[in-house]
PDB file of N, CA and C in Angstrom:
ATOM      1  N   MET A   1       3.049  -3.603  -7.808  1.00  0.00           N
ATOM      2  CA  MET A   1       2.058  -2.737  -7.187  1.00  0.00           C
ATOM      3  C   MET A   1       1.926  -1.453  -8.009  1.00  0.00           C
ATOM      4  N   THR A   2       0.714  -1.119  -8.345  1.00  0.00           N
ATOM      5  CA  THR A   2       0.485   0.087  -9.134  1.00  0.00           C
ATOM      6  C   THR A   2       0.037   1.218  -8.216  1.00  0.00           C
ATOM      7  N   ILE A   3       0.771   2.296  -8.272  1.00  0.00           N
ATOM      8  CA  ILE A   3       0.426   3.480  -7.494  1.00  0.00           C
ATOM      9  C   ILE A   3      -0.285   4.455  -8.435  1.00  0.00           C
ATOM     10  N   LYS A   4      -1.401   5.015  -7.969  1.00  0.00           N
ATOM     11  CA  LYS A   4      -2.098   6.024  -8.771  1.00  0.00           C
ATOM     12  C   LYS A   4      -1.212   7.263  -8.874  1.00  0.00           C
ATOM     13  N   VAL A   5      -1.263   7.907 -10.029  1.00  0.00           N
ATOM     14  CA  VAL A   5      -0.457   9.103 -10.270  1.00  0.00           C
ATOM     15  C   VAL A   5      -1.385  10.215 -10.744  1.00  0.00           C
ATOM     16  N   ILE A   6      -1.129  11.431 -10.274  1.00  0.00           N
ATOM     17  CA  ILE A   6      -1.896  12.588 -10.739  1.00  0.00           C
ATOM     18  C   ILE A   6      -0.915  13.616 -11.301  1.00  0.00           C
ATOM     19  N   SER A   7      -1.247  14.184 -12.451  1.00  0.00           N
ATOM     20  CA  SER A   7      -0.380  15.194 -13.068  1.00  0.00           C
ATOM     21  C   SER A   7      -0.588  16.531 -12.353  1.00  0.00           C
ATOM     22  N   PRO A   8       0.395  17.431 -12.437  1.00  0.00           N
ATOM     23  CA  PRO A   8       0.195  18.762 -11.853  1.00  0.00           C
ATOM     24  C   PRO A   8      -1.069  19.442 -12.395  1.00  0.00           C
ATOM     25  N   LYS A   9      -1.340  19.269 -13.689  1.00  0.00           N
ATOM     26  CA  LYS A   9      -2.537  19.884 -14.298  1.00  0.00           C
ATOM     27  C   LYS A   9      -3.820  19.336 -13.662  1.00  0.00           C
ATOM     28  N   ASP A  10      -3.913  18.004 -13.517  1.00  0.00           N
ATOM     29  CA  ASP A  10      -5.109  17.403 -12.910  1.00  0.00           C
ATOM     30  C   ASP A  10      -5.227  17.778 -11.431  1.00  0.00           C
ATOM     31  N   PHE A  11      -4.086  17.872 -10.758  1.00  0.00           N
ATOM     32  CA  PHE A  11      -4.066  18.281  -9.352  1.00  0.00           C
ATOM     33  C   PHE A  11      -4.613  19.708  -9.239  1.00  0.00           C
ATOM     34  N   ASP A  12      -4.157  20.576 -10.133  1.00  0.00           N
ATOM     35  CA  ASP A  12      -4.615  21.963 -10.149  1.00  0.00           C
ATOM     36  C   ASP A  12      -6.117  22.033 -10.425  1.00  0.00           C
ATOM     37  N   GLU A  13      -6.604  21.185 -11.327  1.00  0.00           N
ATOM     38  CA  GLU A  13      -8.043  21.169 -11.625  1.00  0.00           C
ATOM     39  C   GLU A  13      -8.854  20.789 -10.387  1.00  0.00           C
ATOM     40  N   LYS A  14      -8.351  19.839  -9.612  1.00  0.00           N
ATOM     41  CA  LYS A  14      -9.042  19.473  -8.363  1.00  0.00           C
ATOM     42  C   LYS A  14      -9.115  20.690  -7.436  1.00  0.00           C
ATOM     43  N   LEU A  15      -8.012  21.438  -7.360  1.00  0.00           N
ATOM     44  CA  LEU A  15      -7.996  22.632  -6.512  1.00  0.00           C
ATOM     45  C   LEU A  15      -8.978  23.677  -7.032  1.00  0.00           C
ATOM     46  N   GLN A  16      -9.012  23.867  -8.353  1.00  0.00           N
ATOM     47  CA  GLN A  16      -9.939  24.838  -8.953  1.00  0.00           C
ATOM     48  C   GLN A  16     -11.392  24.442  -8.686  1.00  0.00           C
ATOM     49  N   ASN A  17     -11.641  23.141  -8.593  1.00  0.00           N
ATOM     50  CA  ASN A  17     -12.994  22.638  -8.328  1.00  0.00           C
ATOM     51  C   ASN A  17     -13.311  22.580  -6.837  1.00  0.00           C
ATOM     52  N   ASN A  18     -12.423  23.150  -6.031  1.00  0.00           N
ATOM     53  CA  ASN A  18     -12.602  23.203  -4.576  1.00  0.00           C
ATOM     54  C   ASN A  18     -12.699  21.829  -3.927  1.00  0.00           C
ATOM     55  N   GLU A  19     -12.027  20.846  -4.522  1.00  0.00           N
ATOM     56  CA  GLU A  19     -12.008  19.519  -3.905  1.00  0.00           C
ATOM     57  C   GLU A  19     -11.018  19.536  -2.744  1.00  0.00           C
ATOM     58  N   PRO A  20     -11.420  19.025  -1.589  1.00  0.00           N
ATOM     59  CA  PRO A  20     -10.473  18.962  -0.477  1.00  0.00           C
ATOM     60  C   PRO A  20      -9.384  17.926  -0.771  1.00  0.00           C
ATOM     61  N   ILE A  21      -8.139  18.296  -0.492  1.00  0.00           N
ATOM     62  CA  ILE A  21      -7.010  17.411  -0.769  1.00  0.00           C
ATOM     63  C   ILE A  21      -6.138  17.307   0.470  1.00  0.00           C
ATOM     64  N   PHE A  22      -5.791  16.085   0.812  1.00  0.00           N
ATOM     65  CA  PHE A  22      -4.819  15.859   1.880  1.00  0.00           C
ATOM     66  C   PHE A  22      -3.478  15.644   1.191  1.00  0.00           C
ATOM     67  N   LEU A  23      -2.528  16.553   1.435  1.00  0.00           N
ATOM     68  CA  LEU A  23      -1.233  16.506   0.754  1.00  0.00           C
ATOM     69  C   LEU A  23      -0.132  16.165   1.755  1.00  0.00           C
ATOM     70  N   LEU A  24       0.533  15.060   1.514  1.00  0.00           N
ATOM     71  CA  LEU A  24       1.658  14.636   2.349  1.00  0.00           C
ATOM     72  C   LEU A  24       2.949  14.959   1.611  1.00  0.00           C
ATOM     73  N   ASP A  25       3.737  15.849   2.185  1.00  0.00           N
ATOM     74  CA  ASP A  25       5.023  16.242   1.605  1.00  0.00           C
ATOM     75  C   ASP A  25       6.106  15.514   2.400  1.00  0.00           C
ATOM     76  N   VAL A  26       6.908  14.690   1.713  1.00  0.00           N
ATOM     77  CA  VAL A  26       7.890  13.860   2.423  1.00  0.00           C
ATOM     78  C   VAL A  26       9.312  14.433   2.340  1.00  0.00           C
ATOM     79  N   ARG A  27       9.433  15.705   1.945  1.00  0.00           N
ATOM     80  CA  ARG A  27      10.758  16.333   1.930  1.00  0.00           C
ATOM     81  C   ARG A  27      11.186  16.691   3.350  1.00  0.00           C
ATOM     82  N   ALA A  28      12.471  17.024   3.498  1.00  0.00           N
ATOM     83  CA  ALA A  28      12.990  17.463   4.795  1.00  0.00           C
ATOM     84  C   ALA A  28      12.235  18.715   5.244  1.00  0.00           C
ATOM     85  N   GLU A  29      12.138  18.881   6.554  1.00  0.00           N
ATOM     86  CA  GLU A  29      11.360  19.987   7.117  1.00  0.00           C
ATOM     87  C   GLU A  29      11.822  21.349   6.584  1.00  0.00           C
ATOM     88  N   GLU A  30      13.150  21.528   6.425  1.00  0.00           N
ATOM     89  CA  GLU A  30      13.662  22.819   5.940  1.00  0.00           C
ATOM     90  C   GLU A  30      13.138  23.114   4.533  1.00  0.00           C
ATOM     91  N   LYS A  31      13.165  22.099   3.666  1.00  0.00           N
ATOM     92  CA  LYS A  31      12.676  22.292   2.296  1.00  0.00           C
ATOM     93  C   LYS A  31      11.178  22.571   2.309  1.00  0.00           C
ATOM     94  N   TYR A  32      10.456  21.861   3.163  1.00  0.00           N
ATOM     95  CA  TYR A  32       9.011  22.062   3.281  1.00  0.00           C
ATOM     96  C   TYR A  32       8.720  23.494   3.733  1.00  0.00           C
ATOM     97  N   ASN A  33       9.480  23.957   4.741  1.00  0.00           N
ATOM     98  CA  ASN A  33       9.258  25.307   5.258  1.00  0.00           C
ATOM     99  C   ASN A  33       9.633  26.374   4.234  1.00  0.00           C
ATOM    100  N   ASP A  34      10.618  26.070   3.385  1.00  0.00           N
ATOM    101  CA  ASP A  34      11.026  26.968   2.307  1.00  0.00           C
ATOM    102  C   ASP A  34       9.897  27.178   1.306  1.00  0.00           C
ATOM    103  N   TYR A  35       9.274  26.067   0.893  1.00  0.00           N
ATOM    104  CA  TYR A  35       8.196  26.122  -0.097  1.00  0.00           C
ATOM    105  C   TYR A  35       7.354  24.861   0.005  1.00  0.00           C
ATOM    106  N   HIS A  36       6.055  25.041   0.039  1.00  0.00           N
ATOM    107  CA  HIS A  36       5.133  23.917  -0.137  1.00  0.00           C
ATOM    108  C   HIS A  36       3.876  24.447  -0.826  1.00  0.00           C
ATOM    109  N   ILE A  37       3.131  23.532  -1.403  1.00  0.00           N
ATOM    110  CA  ILE A  37       1.936  23.916  -2.153  1.00  0.00           C
ATOM    111  C   ILE A  37       0.867  24.355  -1.158  1.00  0.00           C
ATOM    112  N   GLU A  38       0.404  25.582  -1.323  1.00  0.00           N
ATOM    113  CA  GLU A  38      -0.610  26.095  -0.406  1.00  0.00           C
ATOM    114  C   GLU A  38      -1.887  26.422  -1.168  1.00  0.00           C
ATOM    115  N   ASN A  39      -2.988  26.102  -0.551  1.00  0.00           N
ATOM    116  CA  ASN A  39      -4.299  26.364  -1.131  1.00  0.00           C
ATOM    117  C   ASN A  39      -5.315  26.140  -0.013  1.00  0.00           C
ATOM    118  N   PRO A  40      -6.396  26.925   0.015  1.00  0.00           N
ATOM    119  CA  PRO A  40      -7.402  26.733   1.068  1.00  0.00           C
ATOM    120  C   PRO A  40      -7.987  25.316   1.101  1.00  0.00           C
ATOM    121  N   ASN A  41      -7.954  24.612  -0.032  1.00  0.00           N
ATOM    122  CA  ASN A  41      -8.534  23.265  -0.086  1.00  0.00           C
ATOM    123  C   ASN A  41      -7.544  22.167   0.284  1.00  0.00           C
ATOM    124  N   ILE A  42      -6.298  22.551   0.580  1.00  0.00           N
ATOM    125  CA  ILE A  42      -5.276  21.554   0.909  1.00  0.00           C
ATOM    126  C   ILE A  42      -5.073  21.481   2.413  1.00  0.00           C
ATOM    127  N   GLU A  43      -5.096  20.260   2.919  1.00  0.00           N
ATOM    128  CA  GLU A  43      -4.635  20.014   4.283  1.00  0.00           C
ATOM    129  C   GLU A  43      -3.224  19.459   4.145  1.00  0.00           C
ATOM    130  N   ASN A  44      -2.236  20.261   4.567  1.00  0.00           N
ATOM    131  CA  ASN A  44      -0.831  19.892   4.408  1.00  0.00           C
ATOM    132  C   ASN A  44      -0.307  19.120   5.605  1.00  0.00           C
ATOM    133  N   GLN A  45       0.547  18.164   5.318  1.00  0.00           N
ATOM    134  CA  GLN A  45       1.232  17.406   6.365  1.00  0.00           C
ATOM    135  C   GLN A  45       2.656  17.175   5.872  1.00  0.00           C
ATOM    136  N   ASN A  46       3.625  17.390   6.747  1.00  0.00           N
ATOM    137  CA  ASN A  46       5.024  17.135   6.393  1.00  0.00           C
ATOM    138  C   ASN A  46       5.551  16.027   7.291  1.00  0.00           C
ATOM    139  N   ILE A  47       5.820  14.875   6.686  1.00  0.00           N
ATOM    140  CA  ILE A  47       6.481  13.773   7.386  1.00  0.00           C
ATOM    141  C   ILE A  47       7.698  13.411   6.538  1.00  0.00           C
ATOM    142  N   PRO A  48       8.910  13.771   6.984  1.00  0.00           N
ATOM    143  CA  PRO A  48      10.098  13.483   6.178  1.00  0.00           C
ATOM    144  C   PRO A  48      10.200  12.007   5.814  1.00  0.00           C
ATOM    145  N   LYS A  49      10.680  11.766   4.593  1.00  0.00           N
ATOM    146  CA  LYS A  49      10.714  10.413   4.023  1.00  0.00           C
ATOM    147  C   LYS A  49      11.422   9.396   4.912  1.00  0.00           C
ATOM    148  N   ASN A  50      12.478   9.823   5.623  1.00  0.00           N
ATOM    149  CA  ASN A  50      13.228   8.862   6.448  1.00  0.00           C
ATOM    150  C   ASN A  50      12.352   8.235   7.521  1.00  0.00           C
ATOM    151  N   ILE A  51      11.408   9.004   8.026  1.00  0.00           N
ATOM    152  CA  ILE A  51      10.484   8.472   9.036  1.00  0.00           C
ATOM    153  C   ILE A  51       9.635   7.365   8.417  1.00  0.00           C
ATOM    154  N   ILE A  52       9.177   7.583   7.190  1.00  0.00           N
ATOM    155  CA  ILE A  52       8.352   6.575   6.512  1.00  0.00           C
ATOM    156  C   ILE A  52       9.202   5.373   6.114  1.00  0.00           C
ATOM    157  N   PHE A  53      10.435   5.630   5.641  1.00  0.00           N
ATOM    158  CA  PHE A  53      11.326   4.520   5.273  1.00  0.00           C
ATOM    159  C   PHE A  53      11.607   3.614   6.475  1.00  0.00           C
ATOM    160  N   ASP A  54      11.648   4.200   7.684  1.00  0.00           N
ATOM    161  CA  ASP A  54      12.017   3.442   8.890  1.00  0.00           C
ATOM    162  C   ASP A  54      10.825   3.066   9.764  1.00  0.00           C
ATOM    163  N   LEU A  55       9.631   3.007   9.183  1.00  0.00           N
ATOM    164  CA  LEU A  55       8.425   2.705   9.965  1.00  0.00           C
ATOM    165  C   LEU A  55       8.544   1.410  10.745  1.00  0.00           C
ATOM    166  N   ASP A  56       9.093   0.381  10.108  1.00  0.00           N
ATOM    167  CA  ASP A  56       9.166  -0.914  10.780  1.00  0.00           C
ATOM    168  C   ASP A  56      10.037  -0.837  12.026  1.00  0.00           C
ATOM    169  N   LYS A  57      11.037   0.030  11.983  1.00  0.00           N
ATOM    170  CA  LYS A  57      11.935   0.166  13.122  1.00  0.00           C
ATOM    171  C   LYS A  57      11.361   1.121  14.173  1.00  0.00           C
ATOM    172  N   ASN A  58      10.757   2.210  13.701  1.00  0.00           N
ATOM    173  CA  ASN A  58      10.337   3.286  14.603  1.00  0.00           C
ATOM    174  C   ASN A  58       8.868   3.258  14.999  1.00  0.00           C
ATOM    175  N   GLY A  59       8.083   2.367  14.406  1.00  0.00           N
ATOM    176  CA  GLY A  59       6.658   2.345  14.723  1.00  0.00           C
ATOM    177  C   GLY A  59       5.887   3.353  13.886  1.00  0.00           C
ATOM    178  N   GLU A  60       4.582   3.325  14.030  1.00  0.00           N
ATOM    179  CA  GLU A  60       3.720   4.109  13.142  1.00  0.00           C
ATOM    180  C   GLU A  60       3.068   5.313  13.818  1.00  0.00           C
ATOM    181  N   GLU A  61       3.595   5.743  14.970  1.00  0.00           N
ATOM    182  CA  GLU A  61       2.989   6.884  15.665  1.00  0.00           C
ATOM    183  C   GLU A  61       2.925   8.119  14.764  1.00  0.00           C
ATOM    184  N   GLU A  62       3.980   8.315  13.975  1.00  0.00           N
ATOM    185  CA  GLU A  62       4.053   9.501  13.109  1.00  0.00           C
ATOM    186  C   GLU A  62       2.927   9.531  12.077  1.00  0.00           C
ATOM    187  N   LEU A  63       2.333   8.372  11.801  1.00  0.00           N
ATOM    188  CA  LEU A  63       1.303   8.299  10.759  1.00  0.00           C
ATOM    189  C   LEU A  63      -0.097   8.555  11.294  1.00  0.00           C
ATOM    190  N   GLN A  64      -0.239   8.730  12.586  1.00  0.00           N
ATOM    191  CA  GLN A  64      -1.581   8.834  13.165  1.00  0.00           C
ATOM    192  C   GLN A  64      -2.384  10.003  12.608  1.00  0.00           C
ATOM    193  N   SER A  65      -1.698  11.016  12.097  1.00  0.00           N
ATOM    194  CA  SER A  65      -2.411  12.177  11.549  1.00  0.00           C
ATOM    195  C   SER A  65      -2.890  11.947  10.113  1.00  0.00           C
ATOM    196  N   LEU A  66      -2.503  10.826   9.507  1.00  0.00           N
ATOM    197  CA  LEU A  66      -2.909  10.557   8.122  1.00  0.00           C
ATOM    198  C   LEU A  66      -4.283   9.897   8.076  1.00  0.00           C
ATOM    199  N   PRO A  67      -5.133  10.328   7.140  1.00  0.00           N
ATOM    200  CA  PRO A  67      -6.461   9.713   7.031  1.00  0.00           C
ATOM    201  C   PRO A  67      -6.376   8.314   6.419  1.00  0.00           C
ATOM    202  N   LYS A  68      -7.124   7.381   6.990  1.00  0.00           N
ATOM    203  CA  LYS A  68      -7.155   6.009   6.459  1.00  0.00           C
ATOM    204  C   LYS A  68      -8.260   5.845   5.421  1.00  0.00           C
ATOM    205  N   ASN A  69      -9.254   6.726   5.451  1.00  0.00           N
ATOM    206  CA  ASN A  69     -10.441   6.506   4.619  1.00  0.00           C
ATOM    207  C   ASN A  69     -10.594   7.516   3.489  1.00  0.00           C
ATOM    208  N   SER A  70      -9.558   8.300   3.226  1.00  0.00           N
ATOM    209  CA  SER A  70      -9.615   9.205   2.075  1.00  0.00           C
ATOM    210  C   SER A  70      -8.242   9.262   1.413  1.00  0.00           C
ATOM    211  N   ASP A  71      -8.240   9.792   0.202  1.00  0.00           N
ATOM    212  CA  ASP A  71      -7.025   9.780  -0.602  1.00  0.00           C
ATOM    213  C   ASP A  71      -5.973  10.730  -0.043  1.00  0.00           C
ATOM    214  N   ILE A  72      -4.718  10.293  -0.107  1.00  0.00           N
ATOM    215  CA  ILE A  72      -3.576  11.108   0.292  1.00  0.00           C
ATOM    216  C   ILE A  72      -2.724  11.318  -0.958  1.00  0.00           C
ATOM    217  N   VAL A  73      -2.501  12.574  -1.318  1.00  0.00           N
ATOM    218  CA  VAL A  73      -1.583  12.868  -2.417  1.00  0.00           C
ATOM    219  C   VAL A  73      -0.202  13.051  -1.796  1.00  0.00           C
ATOM    220  N   ILE A  74       0.786  12.338  -2.341  1.00  0.00           N
ATOM    221  CA  ILE A  74       2.140  12.370  -1.788  1.00  0.00           C
ATOM    222  C   ILE A  74       3.065  13.074  -2.767  1.00  0.00           C
ATOM    223  N   THR A  75       3.933  13.952  -2.218  1.00  0.00           N
ATOM    224  CA  THR A  75       4.903  14.633  -3.063  1.00  0.00           C
ATOM    225  C   THR A  75       6.250  14.750  -2.365  1.00  0.00           C
ATOM    226  N   CYS A  76       7.282  14.973  -3.189  1.00  0.00           N
ATOM    227  CA  CYS A  76       8.630  15.271  -2.705  1.00  0.00           C
ATOM    228  C   CYS A  76       9.227  16.231  -3.734  1.00  0.00           C
ATOM    229  N   THR A  77      10.541  16.288  -3.853  1.00  0.00           N
ATOM    230  CA  THR A  77      11.135  17.230  -4.803  1.00  0.00           C
ATOM    231  C   THR A  77      10.866  16.825  -6.250  1.00  0.00           C
ATOM    232  N   THR A  78      11.135  15.558  -6.598  1.00  0.00           N
ATOM    233  CA  THR A  78      10.981  15.116  -7.993  1.00  0.00           C
ATOM    234  C   THR A  78      10.006  13.959  -8.171  1.00  0.00           C
ATOM    235  N   GLY A  79       9.557  13.364  -7.083  1.00  0.00           N
ATOM    236  CA  GLY A  79       8.615  12.250  -7.167  1.00  0.00           C
ATOM    237  C   GLY A  79       9.213  10.894  -6.837  1.00  0.00           C
ATOM    238  N   ASN A  80      10.550  10.775  -6.823  1.00  0.00           N
ATOM    239  CA  ASN A  80      11.165   9.466  -6.570  1.00  0.00           C
ATOM    240  C   ASN A  80      10.970   8.985  -5.135  1.00  0.00           C
ATOM    241  N   SER A  81      11.300   9.830  -4.165  1.00  0.00           N
ATOM    242  CA  SER A  81      11.116   9.451  -2.758  1.00  0.00           C
ATOM    243  C   SER A  81       9.639   9.280  -2.439  1.00  0.00           C
ATOM    244  N   ALA A  82       8.815  10.144  -3.020  1.00  0.00           N
ATOM    245  CA  ALA A  82       7.371  10.054  -2.785  1.00  0.00           C
ATOM    246  C   ALA A  82       6.826   8.721  -3.286  1.00  0.00           C
ATOM    247  N   ARG A  83       7.364   8.231  -4.414  1.00  0.00           N
ATOM    248  CA  ARG A  83       6.910   6.943  -4.940  1.00  0.00           C
ATOM    249  C   ARG A  83       7.228   5.823  -3.941  1.00  0.00           C
ATOM    250  N   LYS A  84       8.432   5.847  -3.378  1.00  0.00           N
ATOM    251  CA  LYS A  84       8.805   4.824  -2.382  1.00  0.00           C
ATOM    252  C   LYS A  84       7.891   4.916  -1.160  1.00  0.00           C
ATOM    253  N   CYS A  85       7.635   6.145  -0.716  1.00  0.00           N
ATOM    254  CA  CYS A  85       6.744   6.341   0.435  1.00  0.00           C
ATOM    255  C   CYS A  85       5.327   5.874   0.104  1.00  0.00           C
ATOM    256  N   ALA A  86       4.878   6.142  -1.109  1.00  0.00           N
ATOM    257  CA  ALA A  86       3.538   5.717  -1.536  1.00  0.00           C
ATOM    258  C   ALA A  86       3.430   4.199  -1.494  1.00  0.00           C
ATOM    259  N   GLU A  87       4.475   3.517  -1.939  1.00  0.00           N
ATOM    260  CA  GLU A  87       4.461   2.050  -1.918  1.00  0.00           C
ATOM    261  C   GLU A  87       4.383   1.528  -0.486  1.00  0.00           C
ATOM    262  N   ILE A  88       5.161   2.126   0.409  1.00  0.00           N
ATOM    263  CA  ILE A  88       5.147   1.711   1.815  1.00  0.00           C
ATOM    264  C   ILE A  88       3.764   1.947   2.423  1.00  0.00           C
ATOM    265  N   LEU A  89       3.207   3.143   2.199  1.00  0.00           N
ATOM    266  CA  LEU A  89       1.918   3.490   2.805  1.00  0.00           C
ATOM    267  C   LEU A  89       0.772   2.675   2.221  1.00  0.00           C
ATOM    268  N   SER A  90       0.842   2.375   0.924  1.00  0.00           N
ATOM    269  CA  SER A  90      -0.250   1.590   0.337  1.00  0.00           C
ATOM    270  C   SER A  90      -0.256   0.172   0.910  1.00  0.00           C
ATOM    271  N   LYS A  91       0.912  -0.343   1.261  1.00  0.00           N
ATOM    272  CA  LYS A  91       0.971  -1.661   1.913  1.00  0.00           C
ATOM    273  C   LYS A  91       0.339  -1.618   3.303  1.00  0.00           C
ATOM    274  N   LYS A  92       0.270  -0.418   3.878  1.00  0.00           N
ATOM    275  CA  LYS A  92      -0.347  -0.242   5.199  1.00  0.00           C
ATOM    276  C   LYS A  92      -1.801   0.196   5.054  1.00  0.00           C
ATOM    277  N   ASP A  93      -2.366  -0.002   3.872  1.00  0.00           N
ATOM    278  CA  ASP A  93      -3.782   0.268   3.596  1.00  0.00           C
ATOM    279  C   ASP A  93      -4.160   1.745   3.534  1.00  0.00           C
ATOM    280  N   TYR A  94      -3.204   2.605   3.246  1.00  0.00           N
ATOM    281  CA  TYR A  94      -3.547   4.001   2.976  1.00  0.00           C
ATOM    282  C   TYR A  94      -3.855   4.130   1.491  1.00  0.00           C
ATOM    283  N   GLN A  95      -4.806   5.018   1.170  1.00  0.00           N
ATOM    284  CA  GLN A  95      -5.145   5.284  -0.236  1.00  0.00           C
ATOM    285  C   GLN A  95      -4.250   6.428  -0.705  1.00  0.00           C
ATOM    286  N   VAL A  96      -3.286   6.100  -1.557  1.00  0.00           N
ATOM    287  CA  VAL A  96      -2.288   7.096  -1.929  1.00  0.00           C
ATOM    288  C   VAL A  96      -2.270   7.367  -3.430  1.00  0.00           C
ATOM    289  N   THR A  97      -1.956   8.610  -3.765  1.00  0.00           N
ATOM    290  CA  THR A  97      -1.781   9.043  -5.146  1.00  0.00           C
ATOM    291  C   THR A  97      -0.491   9.851  -5.195  1.00  0.00           C
ATOM    292  N   LEU A  98       0.301   9.619  -6.214  1.00  0.00           N
ATOM    293  CA  LEU A  98       1.586  10.296  -6.367  1.00  0.00           C
ATOM    294  C   LEU A  98       1.428  11.537  -7.240  1.00  0.00           C
ATOM    295  N   LEU A  99       1.929  12.683  -6.763  1.00  0.00           N
ATOM    296  CA  LEU A  99       1.956  13.881  -7.608  1.00  0.00           C
ATOM    297  C   LEU A  99       3.120  13.718  -8.573  1.00  0.00           C
ATOM    298  N   ASP A 100       2.803  13.533  -9.837  1.00  0.00           N
ATOM    299  CA  ASP A 100       3.801  13.213 -10.857  1.00  0.00           C
ATOM    300  C   ASP A 100       4.844  14.324 -10.983  1.00  0.00           C
ATOM    301  N   GLY A 101       6.114  13.975 -10.797  1.00  0.00           N
ATOM    302  CA  GLY A 101       7.190  14.951 -10.939  1.00  0.00           C
ATOM    303  C   GLY A 101       7.447  15.791  -9.705  1.00  0.00           C
ATOM    304  N   GLY A 102       6.629  15.613  -8.670  1.00  0.00           N
ATOM    305  CA  GLY A 102       6.849  16.296  -7.399  1.00  0.00           C
ATOM    306  C   GLY A 102       6.729  17.813  -7.467  1.00  0.00           C
ATOM    307  N   ILE A 103       7.354  18.452  -6.478  1.00  0.00           N
ATOM    308  CA  ILE A 103       7.304  19.909  -6.349  1.00  0.00           C
ATOM    309  C   ILE A 103       7.944  20.580  -7.567  1.00  0.00           C
ATOM    310  N   THR A 104       8.998  19.971  -8.108  1.00  0.00           N
ATOM    311  CA  THR A 104       9.673  20.534  -9.285  1.00  0.00           C
ATOM    312  C   THR A 104       8.693  20.667 -10.449  1.00  0.00           C
ATOM    313  N   ALA A 105       7.959  19.598 -10.743  1.00  0.00           N
ATOM    314  CA  ALA A 105       6.985  19.625 -11.839  1.00  0.00           C
ATOM    315  C   ALA A 105       5.845  20.599 -11.528  1.00  0.00           C
ATOM    316  N   TRP A 106       5.422  20.656 -10.263  1.00  0.00           N
ATOM    317  CA  TRP A 106       4.352  21.573  -9.872  1.00  0.00           C
ATOM    318  C   TRP A 106       4.776  23.022 -10.118  1.00  0.00           C
ATOM    319  N   LYS A 107       6.010  23.365  -9.706  1.00  0.00           N
ATOM    320  CA  LYS A 107       6.500  24.735  -9.908  1.00  0.00           C
ATOM    321  C   LYS A 107       6.591  25.057 -11.397  1.00  0.00           C
ATOM    322  N   GLN A 108       7.088  24.117 -12.203  1.00  0.00           N
ATOM    323  CA  GLN A 108       7.172  24.339 -13.652  1.00  0.00           C
ATOM    324  C   GLN A 108       5.776  24.558 -14.232  1.00  0.00           C
ATOM    325  N   TYR A 109       4.831  23.741 -13.791  1.00  0.00           N
ATOM    326  CA  TYR A 109       3.454  23.859 -14.281  1.00  0.00           C
ATOM    327  C   TYR A 109       2.867  25.228 -13.909  1.00  0.00           C
ATOM    328  N   THR A 110       3.019  25.633 -12.649  1.00  0.00           N
ATOM    329  CA  THR A 110       2.414  26.897 -12.220  1.00  0.00           C
ATOM    330  C   THR A 110       3.138  28.086 -12.839  1.00  0.00           C
ATOM    331  N   ASP A 111       4.463  27.986 -13.028  1.00  0.00           N
ATOM    332  CA  ASP A 111       5.202  29.069 -13.697  1.00  0.00           C
ATOM    333  C   ASP A 111       4.693  29.256 -15.121  1.00  0.00           C
ATOM    334  N   THR A 112       4.504  28.148 -15.838  1.00  0.00           N
ATOM    335  CA  THR A 112       4.016  28.193 -17.216  1.00  0.00           C
ATOM    336  C   THR A 112       2.598  28.749 -17.254  1.00  0.00           C
ATOM    337  N   LYS A 113       1.780  28.297 -16.313  1.00  0.00           N
ATOM    338  CA  LYS A 113       0.373  28.711 -16.269  1.00  0.00           C
ATOM    339  C   LYS A 113       0.259  30.224 -16.054  1.00  0.00           C
ATOM    340  N   HIS A 114       1.120  30.780 -15.222  1.00  0.00           N
ATOM    341  CA  HIS A 114       1.028  32.207 -14.900  1.00  0.00           C
ATOM    342  C   HIS A 114       1.621  33.103 -15.983  1.00  0.00           C
ATOM    343  N   LYS A 115       2.328  32.506 -16.941  1.00  0.00           N
ATOM    344  CA  LYS A 115       2.882  33.301 -18.044  1.00  0.00           C
ATOM    345  C   LYS A 115       1.819  33.631 -19.083  1.00  0.00           C
ATOM    346  N   ASP A 116       0.747  32.845 -19.111  1.00  0.00           N
ATOM    347  CA  ASP A 116      -0.304  33.055 -20.130  1.00  0.00           C
ATOM    348  C   ASP A 116      -0.999  34.396 -19.956  1.00  0.00           C
TER     349      ASP A 116
END
C-alpha cells in the first residue's frame, strides 16, 4: 500500500497558498498540547495513535470527526507512528497524506526558514 507523503516545504507552500488543511496529530495529548502546528488554514485534530491502533477493539466512534471526502494530513513526532495510522485509516477509506518526518522535521524546516 502506498501512502502519499508531503514534505514540510510542500506543506508550508499549501499554507502560504491559503489551502485549507485537515491535520491529524496522533501524538499523546500532552505532547500535542505542548506544541502543534498552528495556522488559520489548519483544522487540527488530536487522536492519540493508540486509539487508532486499537480501532478494531474499541470501535470507530473516535474517528467521527475525521472527514471522509477530503484529504487528511497525518503527523506524529518523527513520522513512524503516523505512517502506521495512515495505513490503518486508508484501509477504512480515508484519504490520507503523511507529513514526512513529522513534527521534528517540521520544526527543523521552520527553524531553518526563519534564519534566512
